[in-house]
Amino acid sequence: MGPVPRGGVYTYDWIENLLGLDIHSVDHVLPEFQSPAVGDTIALGANEMRLELVDPPRALAFRSQDGNWLWAFVLRERGGRTRLISRNRYRLPTLAARIGMLPMEPGSLVMERRMLLGIKERAERLAARDAAA
Protein backbone atom coordinates (compact mmCIF):
# COMPACT_ATOMS: atom_id res chain seq x y z
CA MET A 1 0.00 0.00 0.00
CA GLY A 2 1.02 3.56 -0.55
CA PRO A 3 2.02 6.08 -3.18
CA VAL A 4 4.48 5.40 -5.99
CA PRO A 5 6.57 3.20 -5.98
CA ARG A 6 4.14 1.18 -3.84
CA GLY A 7 0.92 -0.36 -5.18
CA GLY A 8 -1.62 2.35 -4.40
CA VAL A 9 -4.58 2.18 -2.04
CA TYR A 10 -7.16 0.67 -4.44
CA THR A 11 -9.67 3.51 -4.10
CA TYR A 12 -10.43 6.10 -6.75
CA ASP A 13 -6.92 7.07 -7.86
CA TRP A 14 -8.16 10.25 -9.54
CA ILE A 15 -9.48 11.55 -6.20
CA GLU A 16 -6.26 10.63 -4.38
CA ASN A 17 -4.26 12.43 -7.07
CA LEU A 18 -6.41 15.55 -6.82
CA LEU A 19 -5.04 15.67 -3.27
CA GLY A 20 -1.47 15.36 -4.60
CA LEU A 21 -0.83 11.84 -3.25
CA ASP A 22 0.72 10.27 -6.43
CA ILE A 23 -1.43 7.13 -6.09
CA HIS A 24 -1.54 4.58 -8.90
CA SER A 25 -3.20 1.34 -7.83
CA VAL A 26 -1.70 -1.76 -9.40
CA ASP A 27 -3.55 -4.96 -10.27
CA HIS A 28 -0.71 -7.35 -9.49
CA VAL A 29 1.51 -8.27 -6.55
CA LEU A 30 4.71 -6.25 -6.16
CA PRO A 31 7.23 -8.79 -4.80
CA GLU A 32 9.54 -6.11 -3.37
CA PHE A 33 6.84 -5.09 -0.85
CA GLN A 34 5.81 -8.54 0.39
CA SER A 35 7.93 -8.57 3.56
CA PRO A 36 6.59 -5.72 5.67
CA ALA A 37 8.31 -5.07 9.00
CA VAL A 38 7.50 -3.07 12.08
CA GLY A 39 8.93 0.40 11.55
CA ASP A 40 8.34 0.52 7.79
CA THR A 41 6.66 3.76 6.77
CA ILE A 42 4.36 4.98 4.03
CA ALA A 43 3.42 8.57 3.35
CA LEU A 44 -0.23 9.41 2.81
CA GLY A 45 -0.17 13.13 2.17
CA ALA A 46 0.85 14.93 5.33
CA ASN A 47 0.45 11.72 7.34
CA GLU A 48 3.45 9.47 7.57
CA MET A 49 2.20 6.10 8.71
CA ARG A 50 4.50 3.73 10.62
CA LEU A 51 3.84 0.00 10.59
CA GLU A 52 3.24 -0.92 14.25
CA LEU A 53 2.00 -4.51 13.97
CA VAL A 54 2.86 -7.18 11.43
CA ASP A 55 1.22 -10.57 11.92
CA PRO A 56 1.16 -12.30 8.53
CA PRO A 57 -1.22 -13.54 7.34
CA ARG A 58 -3.62 -12.13 9.94
CA ALA A 59 -3.05 -8.43 10.60
CA LEU A 60 -1.30 -5.16 9.80
CA ALA A 61 -1.64 -1.96 11.81
CA PHE A 62 -0.31 1.51 11.05
CA ARG A 63 -0.01 4.55 13.33
CA SER A 64 0.39 8.12 12.14
CA GLN A 65 3.56 9.97 13.07
CA ASP A 66 1.65 12.23 15.48
CA GLY A 67 -0.03 9.20 17.08
CA ASN A 68 -3.54 10.48 16.38
CA TRP A 69 -4.54 7.94 13.70
CA LEU A 70 -4.45 4.15 13.91
CA TRP A 71 -5.39 2.08 10.85
CA ALA A 72 -5.64 -1.69 11.17
CA PHE A 73 -6.37 -4.49 8.72
CA VAL A 74 -7.39 -7.92 9.98
CA LEU A 75 -8.18 -11.11 8.06
CA ARG A 76 -10.78 -13.44 9.59
CA GLU A 77 -11.33 -16.93 8.20
CA ARG A 78 -14.65 -18.64 8.71
CA GLY A 79 -16.29 -21.48 6.83
CA GLY A 80 -13.73 -21.52 4.04
CA ARG A 81 -14.14 -17.79 3.40
CA THR A 82 -11.97 -14.87 4.40
CA ARG A 83 -13.18 -11.46 5.51
CA LEU A 84 -10.98 -8.35 5.44
CA ILE A 85 -11.76 -5.89 8.21
CA SER A 86 -10.40 -2.34 8.12
CA ARG A 87 -10.67 -0.15 11.21
CA ASN A 88 -9.62 3.44 11.81
CA ARG A 89 -9.34 5.19 15.14
CA TYR A 90 -8.74 8.90 15.41
CA ARG A 91 -7.83 11.01 18.38
CA LEU A 92 -9.05 14.53 17.70
CA PRO A 93 -7.33 16.62 20.35
CA THR A 94 -8.58 20.05 19.28
CA LEU A 95 -11.91 21.60 18.36
CA ALA A 96 -10.52 22.43 14.92
CA ALA A 97 -9.59 18.76 14.39
CA ARG A 98 -13.07 17.63 15.43
CA ILE A 99 -14.76 20.14 13.12
CA GLY A 100 -12.37 19.27 10.29
CA MET A 101 -13.32 15.60 10.59
CA LEU A 102 -17.02 16.30 9.90
CA PRO A 103 -16.70 16.58 6.11
CA MET A 104 -14.05 13.83 6.09
CA GLU A 105 -16.35 11.12 7.49
CA PRO A 106 -18.63 10.70 4.44
CA GLY A 107 -15.65 10.93 2.07
CA SER A 108 -13.76 8.32 4.09
CA LEU A 109 -16.71 5.97 3.93
CA VAL A 110 -16.86 6.18 0.13
CA MET A 111 -13.08 5.79 -0.26
CA GLU A 112 -12.77 2.94 2.26
CA ARG A 113 -15.60 1.02 0.62
CA ARG A 114 -13.90 1.36 -2.77
CA MET A 115 -10.56 0.29 -1.23
CA LEU A 116 -12.07 -2.88 0.26
CA LEU A 117 -13.84 -3.72 -3.00
CA GLY A 118 -10.60 -3.10 -4.92
CA ILE A 119 -8.65 -5.44 -2.64
CA LYS A 120 -11.43 -8.06 -2.92
CA GLU A 121 -11.38 -7.88 -6.72
CA ARG A 122 -7.61 -8.31 -6.83
CA ALA A 123 -7.60 -11.18 -4.31
CA GLU A 124 -10.36 -13.06 -6.14
CA ARG A 125 -8.62 -12.57 -9.49
CA LEU A 126 -5.33 -13.88 -8.03
CA ALA A 127 -7.09 -16.88 -6.42
CA ALA A 128 -8.82 -17.75 -9.71
CA ARG A 129 -5.53 -17.52 -11.59
CA ASP A 130 -3.80 -19.77 -9.02
CA ALA A 131 -6.66 -22.30 -9.15
CA ALA A 132 -6.43 -22.44 -12.94
CA ALA A 133 -2.66 -22.99 -12.88
C-alpha atoms as a PDB file:
ATOM      1  CA  MET A   1       0.000   0.000   0.000  1.00  0.00           C
ATOM      2  CA  GLY A   2       1.019   3.560  -0.550  1.00  0.00           C
ATOM      3  CA  PRO A   3       2.022   6.084  -3.180  1.00  0.00           C
ATOM      4  CA  VAL A   4       4.478   5.398  -5.994  1.00  0.00           C
ATOM      5  CA  PRO A   5       6.572   3.199  -5.976  1.00  0.00           C
ATOM      6  CA  ARG A   6       4.141   1.179  -3.843  1.00  0.00           C
ATOM      7  CA  GLY A   7       0.925  -0.361  -5.184  1.00  0.00           C
ATOM      8  CA  GLY A   8      -1.620   2.351  -4.396  1.00  0.00           C
ATOM      9  CA  VAL A   9      -4.580   2.182  -2.037  1.00  0.00           C
ATOM     10  CA  TYR A  10      -7.161   0.670  -4.441  1.00  0.00           C
ATOM     11  CA  THR A  11      -9.668   3.513  -4.100  1.00  0.00           C
ATOM     12  CA  TYR A  12     -10.426   6.104  -6.748  1.00  0.00           C
ATOM     13  CA  ASP A  13      -6.920   7.066  -7.861  1.00  0.00           C
ATOM     14  CA  TRP A  14      -8.164  10.250  -9.540  1.00  0.00           C
ATOM     15  CA  ILE A  15      -9.480  11.548  -6.203  1.00  0.00           C
ATOM     16  CA  GLU A  16      -6.263  10.629  -4.385  1.00  0.00           C
ATOM     17  CA  ASN A  17      -4.256  12.425  -7.066  1.00  0.00           C
ATOM     18  CA  LEU A  18      -6.406  15.551  -6.820  1.00  0.00           C
ATOM     19  CA  LEU A  19      -5.036  15.668  -3.270  1.00  0.00           C
ATOM     20  CA  GLY A  20      -1.469  15.355  -4.602  1.00  0.00           C
ATOM     21  CA  LEU A  21      -0.829  11.839  -3.252  1.00  0.00           C
ATOM     22  CA  ASP A  22       0.720  10.272  -6.433  1.00  0.00           C
ATOM     23  CA  ILE A  23      -1.428   7.129  -6.089  1.00  0.00           C
ATOM     24  CA  HIS A  24      -1.541   4.580  -8.903  1.00  0.00           C
ATOM     25  CA  SER A  25      -3.205   1.344  -7.827  1.00  0.00           C
ATOM     26  CA  VAL A  26      -1.703  -1.755  -9.396  1.00  0.00           C
ATOM     27  CA  ASP A  27      -3.545  -4.960 -10.267  1.00  0.00           C
ATOM     28  CA  HIS A  28      -0.707  -7.347  -9.491  1.00  0.00           C
ATOM     29  CA  VAL A  29       1.507  -8.270  -6.549  1.00  0.00           C
ATOM     30  CA  LEU A  30       4.707  -6.248  -6.155  1.00  0.00           C
ATOM     31  CA  PRO A  31       7.231  -8.787  -4.798  1.00  0.00           C
ATOM     32  CA  GLU A  32       9.536  -6.108  -3.373  1.00  0.00           C
ATOM     33  CA  PHE A  33       6.841  -5.087  -0.847  1.00  0.00           C
ATOM     34  CA  GLN A  34       5.814  -8.541   0.386  1.00  0.00           C
ATOM     35  CA  SER A  35       7.934  -8.570   3.556  1.00  0.00           C
ATOM     36  CA  PRO A  36       6.593  -5.716   5.672  1.00  0.00           C
ATOM     37  CA  ALA A  37       8.311  -5.073   8.998  1.00  0.00           C
ATOM     38  CA  VAL A  38       7.496  -3.067  12.085  1.00  0.00           C
ATOM     39  CA  GLY A  39       8.932   0.405  11.554  1.00  0.00           C
ATOM     40  CA  ASP A  40       8.345   0.521   7.789  1.00  0.00           C
ATOM     41  CA  THR A  41       6.660   3.757   6.774  1.00  0.00           C
ATOM     42  CA  ILE A  42       4.364   4.976   4.029  1.00  0.00           C
ATOM     43  CA  ALA A  43       3.422   8.570   3.348  1.00  0.00           C
ATOM     44  CA  LEU A  44      -0.227   9.414   2.815  1.00  0.00           C
ATOM     45  CA  GLY A  45      -0.174  13.125   2.168  1.00  0.00           C
ATOM     46  CA  ALA A  46       0.846  14.932   5.333  1.00  0.00           C
ATOM     47  CA  ASN A  47       0.452  11.723   7.342  1.00  0.00           C
ATOM     48  CA  GLU A  48       3.454   9.468   7.567  1.00  0.00           C
ATOM     49  CA  MET A  49       2.202   6.096   8.710  1.00  0.00           C
ATOM     50  CA  ARG A  50       4.504   3.725  10.618  1.00  0.00           C
ATOM     51  CA  LEU A  51       3.837   0.001  10.590  1.00  0.00           C
ATOM     52  CA  GLU A  52       3.244  -0.919  14.255  1.00  0.00           C
ATOM     53  CA  LEU A  53       2.004  -4.508  13.973  1.00  0.00           C
ATOM     54  CA  VAL A  54       2.858  -7.177  11.429  1.00  0.00           C
ATOM     55  CA  ASP A  55       1.223 -10.567  11.920  1.00  0.00           C
ATOM     56  CA  PRO A  56       1.156 -12.302   8.531  1.00  0.00           C
ATOM     57  CA  PRO A  57      -1.218 -13.535   7.335  1.00  0.00           C
ATOM     58  CA  ARG A  58      -3.618 -12.131   9.942  1.00  0.00           C
ATOM     59  CA  ALA A  59      -3.054  -8.427  10.604  1.00  0.00           C
ATOM     60  CA  LEU A  60      -1.297  -5.160   9.802  1.00  0.00           C
ATOM     61  CA  ALA A  61      -1.637  -1.959  11.807  1.00  0.00           C
ATOM     62  CA  PHE A  62      -0.307   1.513  11.053  1.00  0.00           C
ATOM     63  CA  ARG A  63      -0.008   4.547  13.332  1.00  0.00           C
ATOM     64  CA  SER A  64       0.389   8.125  12.135  1.00  0.00           C
ATOM     65  CA  GLN A  65       3.565   9.969  13.066  1.00  0.00           C
ATOM     66  CA  ASP A  66       1.650  12.229  15.476  1.00  0.00           C
ATOM     67  CA  GLY A  67      -0.032   9.201  17.082  1.00  0.00           C
ATOM     68  CA  ASN A  68      -3.540  10.479  16.378  1.00  0.00           C
ATOM     69  CA  TRP A  69      -4.536   7.936  13.704  1.00  0.00           C
ATOM     70  CA  LEU A  70      -4.446   4.149  13.912  1.00  0.00           C
ATOM     71  CA  TRP A  71      -5.389   2.083  10.849  1.00  0.00           C
ATOM     72  CA  ALA A  72      -5.641  -1.693  11.174  1.00  0.00           C
ATOM     73  CA  PHE A  73      -6.368  -4.492   8.718  1.00  0.00           C
ATOM     74  CA  VAL A  74      -7.390  -7.923   9.976  1.00  0.00           C
ATOM     75  CA  LEU A  75      -8.179 -11.109   8.055  1.00  0.00           C
ATOM     76  CA  ARG A  76     -10.782 -13.444   9.589  1.00  0.00           C
ATOM     77  CA  GLU A  77     -11.331 -16.926   8.201  1.00  0.00           C
ATOM     78  CA  ARG A  78     -14.654 -18.642   8.712  1.00  0.00           C
ATOM     79  CA  GLY A  79     -16.295 -21.484   6.830  1.00  0.00           C
ATOM     80  CA  GLY A  80     -13.733 -21.525   4.038  1.00  0.00           C
ATOM     81  CA  ARG A  81     -14.143 -17.790   3.399  1.00  0.00           C
ATOM     82  CA  THR A  82     -11.970 -14.872   4.403  1.00  0.00           C
ATOM     83  CA  ARG A  83     -13.178 -11.462   5.510  1.00  0.00           C
ATOM     84  CA  LEU A  84     -10.976  -8.351   5.439  1.00  0.00           C
ATOM     85  CA  ILE A  85     -11.762  -5.887   8.207  1.00  0.00           C
ATOM     86  CA  SER A  86     -10.402  -2.342   8.124  1.00  0.00           C
ATOM     87  CA  ARG A  87     -10.669  -0.152  11.214  1.00  0.00           C
ATOM     88  CA  ASN A  88      -9.620   3.437  11.807  1.00  0.00           C
ATOM     89  CA  ARG A  89      -9.335   5.187  15.141  1.00  0.00           C
ATOM     90  CA  TYR A  90      -8.742   8.897  15.411  1.00  0.00           C
ATOM     91  CA  ARG A  91      -7.826  11.013  18.381  1.00  0.00           C
ATOM     92  CA  LEU A  92      -9.045  14.529  17.697  1.00  0.00           C
ATOM     93  CA  PRO A  93      -7.329  16.623  20.355  1.00  0.00           C
ATOM     94  CA  THR A  94      -8.584  20.052  19.283  1.00  0.00           C
ATOM     95  CA  LEU A  95     -11.913  21.595  18.361  1.00  0.00           C
ATOM     96  CA  ALA A  96     -10.515  22.433  14.924  1.00  0.00           C
ATOM     97  CA  ALA A  97      -9.594  18.763  14.393  1.00  0.00           C
ATOM     98  CA  ARG A  98     -13.074  17.628  15.432  1.00  0.00           C
ATOM     99  CA  ILE A  99     -14.755  20.142  13.117  1.00  0.00           C
ATOM    100  CA  GLY A 100     -12.369  19.274  10.286  1.00  0.00           C
ATOM    101  CA  MET A 101     -13.323  15.601  10.589  1.00  0.00           C
ATOM    102  CA  LEU A 102     -17.020  16.299   9.902  1.00  0.00           C
ATOM    103  CA  PRO A 103     -16.695  16.584   6.105  1.00  0.00           C
ATOM    104  CA  MET A 104     -14.050  13.831   6.090  1.00  0.00           C
ATOM    105  CA  GLU A 105     -16.347  11.123   7.488  1.00  0.00           C
ATOM    106  CA  PRO A 106     -18.630  10.699   4.437  1.00  0.00           C
ATOM    107  CA  GLY A 107     -15.651  10.928   2.072  1.00  0.00           C
ATOM    108  CA  SER A 108     -13.764   8.322   4.092  1.00  0.00           C
ATOM    109  CA  LEU A 109     -16.711   5.967   3.932  1.00  0.00           C
ATOM    110  CA  VAL A 110     -16.864   6.183   0.130  1.00  0.00           C
ATOM    111  CA  MET A 111     -13.082   5.789  -0.260  1.00  0.00           C
ATOM    112  CA  GLU A 112     -12.774   2.936   2.260  1.00  0.00           C
ATOM    113  CA  ARG A 113     -15.596   1.016   0.620  1.00  0.00           C
ATOM    114  CA  ARG A 114     -13.900   1.357  -2.768  1.00  0.00           C
ATOM    115  CA  MET A 115     -10.565   0.291  -1.233  1.00  0.00           C
ATOM    116  CA  LEU A 116     -12.068  -2.884   0.263  1.00  0.00           C
ATOM    117  CA  LEU A 117     -13.837  -3.723  -3.002  1.00  0.00           C
ATOM    118  CA  GLY A 118     -10.600  -3.096  -4.916  1.00  0.00           C
ATOM    119  CA  ILE A 119      -8.654  -5.438  -2.636  1.00  0.00           C
ATOM    120  CA  LYS A 120     -11.429  -8.061  -2.921  1.00  0.00           C
ATOM    121  CA  GLU A 121     -11.377  -7.884  -6.723  1.00  0.00           C
ATOM    122  CA  ARG A 122      -7.612  -8.311  -6.828  1.00  0.00           C
ATOM    123  CA  ALA A 123      -7.602 -11.181  -4.310  1.00  0.00           C
ATOM    124  CA  GLU A 124     -10.356 -13.058  -6.144  1.00  0.00           C
ATOM    125  CA  ARG A 125      -8.616 -12.568  -9.493  1.00  0.00           C
ATOM    126  CA  LEU A 126      -5.326 -13.878  -8.030  1.00  0.00           C
ATOM    127  CA  ALA A 127      -7.087 -16.877  -6.418  1.00  0.00           C
ATOM    128  CA  ALA A 128      -8.822 -17.748  -9.709  1.00  0.00           C
ATOM    129  CA  ARG A 129      -5.534 -17.522 -11.593  1.00  0.00           C
ATOM    130  CA  ASP A 130      -3.804 -19.772  -9.021  1.00  0.00           C
ATOM    131  CA  ALA A 131      -6.657 -22.300  -9.148  1.00  0.00           C
ATOM    132  CA  ALA A 132      -6.429 -22.442 -12.941  1.00  0.00           C
ATOM    133  CA  ALA A 133      -2.655 -22.989 -12.878  1.00  0.00           C
END
